Amino acid sequence: MRESARGDLTLVIANKNYSSWSMRPWVLLRARGISFHEVMLKFDSREWDSRIGRLSPTRQVPVLWEGDPGGGFPTWEVGRAHV
């Protein structure tokens, strides 16, 4: 995995063809001209199984990391509770 400088953004996603949730932050970052690195993991793959635990605290995507993925500050979407 590449080393990140503090403040670098890394977006961890699944294949954009199969995951609209992954596509949304990717489109937003691109449209706003925000520089980021992309890590794409394929669902149900050995790579997913071996890397998702380190790259996503919830084991779900997308996750936006500030700093080193797995060691920096993660941001992910939390579903709204139905009342």
C-alpha atoms as a PDB file:
ATOM      1  CA  MET A   1       0.000   0.000   0.000  1.00  0.00           C
ATOM      2  CA  ARG A   2       1.265   3.479  -0.748  1.00  0.00           C
ATOM      3  CA  GLU A   3       2.380   5.750   2.070  1.00  0.00           C
ATOM      4  CA  SER A   4       0.243   8.868   2.528  1.00  0.00           C
ATOM      5  CA  ALA A   5       1.390  12.264   3.639  1.00  0.00           C
ATOM      6  CA  ARG A   6      -0.662  13.633   6.509  1.00  0.00           C
ATOM      7  CA  GLY A   7      -3.769  15.289   5.066  1.00  0.00           C
ATOM      8  CA  ASP A   8      -3.892  13.206   1.884  1.00  0.00           C
ATOM      9  CA  LEU A   9      -7.330  11.808   1.104  1.00  0.00           C
ATOM     10  CA  THR A  10      -7.926   8.191   0.131  1.00  0.00           C
ATOM     11  CA  LEU A  11     -11.343   6.930  -0.915  1.00  0.00           C
ATOM     12  CA  VAL A  12     -11.889   3.210  -0.355  1.00  0.00           C
ATOM     13  CA  ILE A  13     -14.671   1.950  -2.600  1.00  0.00           C
ATOM     14  CA  ALA A  14     -16.076  -1.114  -4.318  1.00  0.00           C
ATOM     15  CA  ASN A  15     -16.531  -1.364  -8.064  1.00  0.00           C
ATOM     16  CA  LYS A  16     -18.471   1.728  -9.173  1.00  0.00           C
ATOM     17  CA  ASN A  17     -20.421  -0.384 -11.698  1.00  0.00           C
ATOM     18  CA  TYR A  18     -21.976  -2.425  -8.888  1.00  0.00           C
ATOM     19  CA  SER A  19     -22.037  -0.017  -5.945  1.00  0.00           C
ATOM     20  CA  SER A  20     -23.861   3.295  -6.334  1.00  0.00           C
ATOM     21  CA  TRP A  21     -22.866   4.070  -2.716  1.00  0.00           C
ATOM     22  CA  SER A  22     -19.220   3.941  -3.816  1.00  0.00           C
ATOM     23  CA  MET A  23     -19.937   6.059  -6.882  1.00  0.00           C
ATOM     24  CA  ARG A  24     -21.507   8.972  -4.951  1.00  0.00           C
ATOM     25  CA  PRO A  25     -18.478  10.262  -3.014  1.00  0.00           C
ATOM     26  CA  TRP A  26     -16.238   9.548  -6.012  1.00  0.00           C
ATOM     27  CA  VAL A  27     -18.410  11.780  -8.243  1.00  0.00           C
ATOM     28  CA  LEU A  28     -18.602  14.509  -5.591  1.00  0.00           C
ATOM     29  CA  LEU A  29     -14.842  14.627  -5.015  1.00  0.00           C
ATOM     30  CA  ARG A  30     -14.156  14.690  -8.769  1.00  0.00           C
ATOM     31  CA  ALA A  31     -16.809  17.344  -9.466  1.00  0.00           C
ATOM     32  CA  ARG A  32     -15.421  19.609  -6.720  1.00  0.00           C
ATOM     33  CA  GLY A  33     -11.838  19.156  -7.943  1.00  0.00           C
ATOM     34  CA  ILE A  34     -10.715  17.603  -4.649  1.00  0.00           C
ATOM     35  CA  SER A  35      -7.567  15.541  -5.023  1.00  0.00           C
ATOM     36  CA  PHE A  36      -7.776  11.990  -3.671  1.00  0.00           C
ATOM     37  CA  HIS A  37      -6.345   8.520  -4.114  1.00  0.00           C
ATOM     38  CA  GLU A  38      -8.688   5.659  -4.900  1.00  0.00           C
ATOM     39  CA  VAL A  39      -8.507   2.135  -3.486  1.00  0.00           C
ATOM     40  CA  MET A  40     -11.008  -0.145  -5.202  1.00  0.00           C
ATOM     41  CA  LEU A  41     -11.770  -3.536  -3.701  1.00  0.00           C
ATOM     42  CA  LYS A  42     -13.886  -6.100  -5.529  1.00  0.00           C
ATOM     43  CA  PHE A  43     -16.758  -7.554  -3.529  1.00  0.00           C
ATOM     44  CA  ASP A  44     -16.426 -11.243  -2.604  1.00  0.00           C
ATOM     45  CA  SER A  45     -12.756 -11.453  -3.518  1.00  0.00           C
ATOM     46  CA  ARG A  46      -9.611 -12.543  -1.689  1.00  0.00           C
ATOM     47  CA  GLU A  47      -8.420  -8.938  -1.783  1.00  0.00           C
ATOM     48  CA  TRP A  48     -11.663  -7.801  -0.087  1.00  0.00           C
ATOM     49  CA  ASP A  49     -11.308 -10.475   2.591  1.00  0.00           C
ATOM     50  CA  SER A  50      -7.675  -9.639   3.289  1.00  0.00           C
ATOM     51  CA  ARG A  51      -7.880  -5.812   3.226  1.00  0.00           C
ATOM     52  CA  ILE A  52     -11.374  -4.638   4.214  1.00  0.00           C
ATOM     53  CA  GLY A  53     -10.824  -5.046   7.962  1.00  0.00           C
ATOM     54  CA  ARG A  54      -7.856  -2.667   7.863  1.00  0.00           C
ATOM     55  CA  LEU A  55      -9.384  -0.200   5.401  1.00  0.00           C
ATOM     56  CA  SER A  56     -12.900   0.093   6.843  1.00  0.00           C
ATOM     57  CA  PRO A  57     -13.828   0.198  10.541  1.00  0.00           C
ATOM     58  CA  THR A  58     -17.348  -1.015   9.620  1.00  0.00           C
ATOM     59  CA  ARG A  59     -16.146  -3.466   6.921  1.00  0.00           C
ATOM     60  CA  GLN A  60     -18.337  -1.470   4.495  1.00  0.00           C
ATOM     61  CA  VAL A  61     -17.568   0.985   1.717  1.00  0.00           C
ATOM     62  CA  PRO A  62     -17.218   3.817   0.907  1.00  0.00           C
ATOM     63  CA  VAL A  63     -14.759   5.162   3.477  1.00  0.00           C
ATOM     64  CA  LEU A  64     -12.821   8.409   3.074  1.00  0.00           C
ATOM     65  CA  TRP A  65      -9.493   8.472   4.912  1.00  0.00           C
ATOM     66  CA  GLU A  66      -7.538  11.568   5.843  1.00  0.00           C
ATOM     67  CA  GLY A  67      -3.953  10.447   6.245  1.00  0.00           C
ATOM     68  CA  ASP A  68      -2.754   6.866   5.960  1.00  0.00           C
ATOM     69  CA  PRO A  69      -5.621   4.412   5.252  1.00  0.00           C
ATOM     70  CA  GLY A  70      -5.982   2.255   8.313  1.00  0.00           C
ATOM     71  CA  GLY A  71      -4.053   4.704  10.465  1.00  0.00           C
ATOM     72  CA  GLY A  72      -5.462   8.146   9.762  1.00  0.00           C
ATOM     73  CA  PHE A  73      -8.945   9.556  10.301  1.00  0.00           C
ATOM     74  CA  PRO A  74     -11.829   7.647   8.617  1.00  0.00           C
ATOM     75  CA  THR A  75     -15.183   9.104   7.598  1.00  0.00           C
ATOM     76  CA  TRP A  76     -18.054   6.866   6.554  1.00  0.00           C
ATOM     77  CA  GLU A  77     -21.789   7.176   6.188  1.00  0.00           C
ATOM     78  CA  VAL A  78     -23.949   6.083   9.064  1.00  0.00           C
ATOM     79  CA  GLY A  79     -27.504   5.063   8.267  1.00  0.00           C
ATOM     80  CA  ARG A  80     -30.310   7.122   9.720  1.00  0.00           C
ATOM     81  CA  ALA A  81     -32.242   5.486  12.519  1.00  0.00           C
ATOM     82  CA  HIS A  82     -35.943   5.056  11.822  1.00  0.00           C
ATOM     83  CA  VAL A  83     -38.079   6.342  14.659  1.00  0.00           C
END
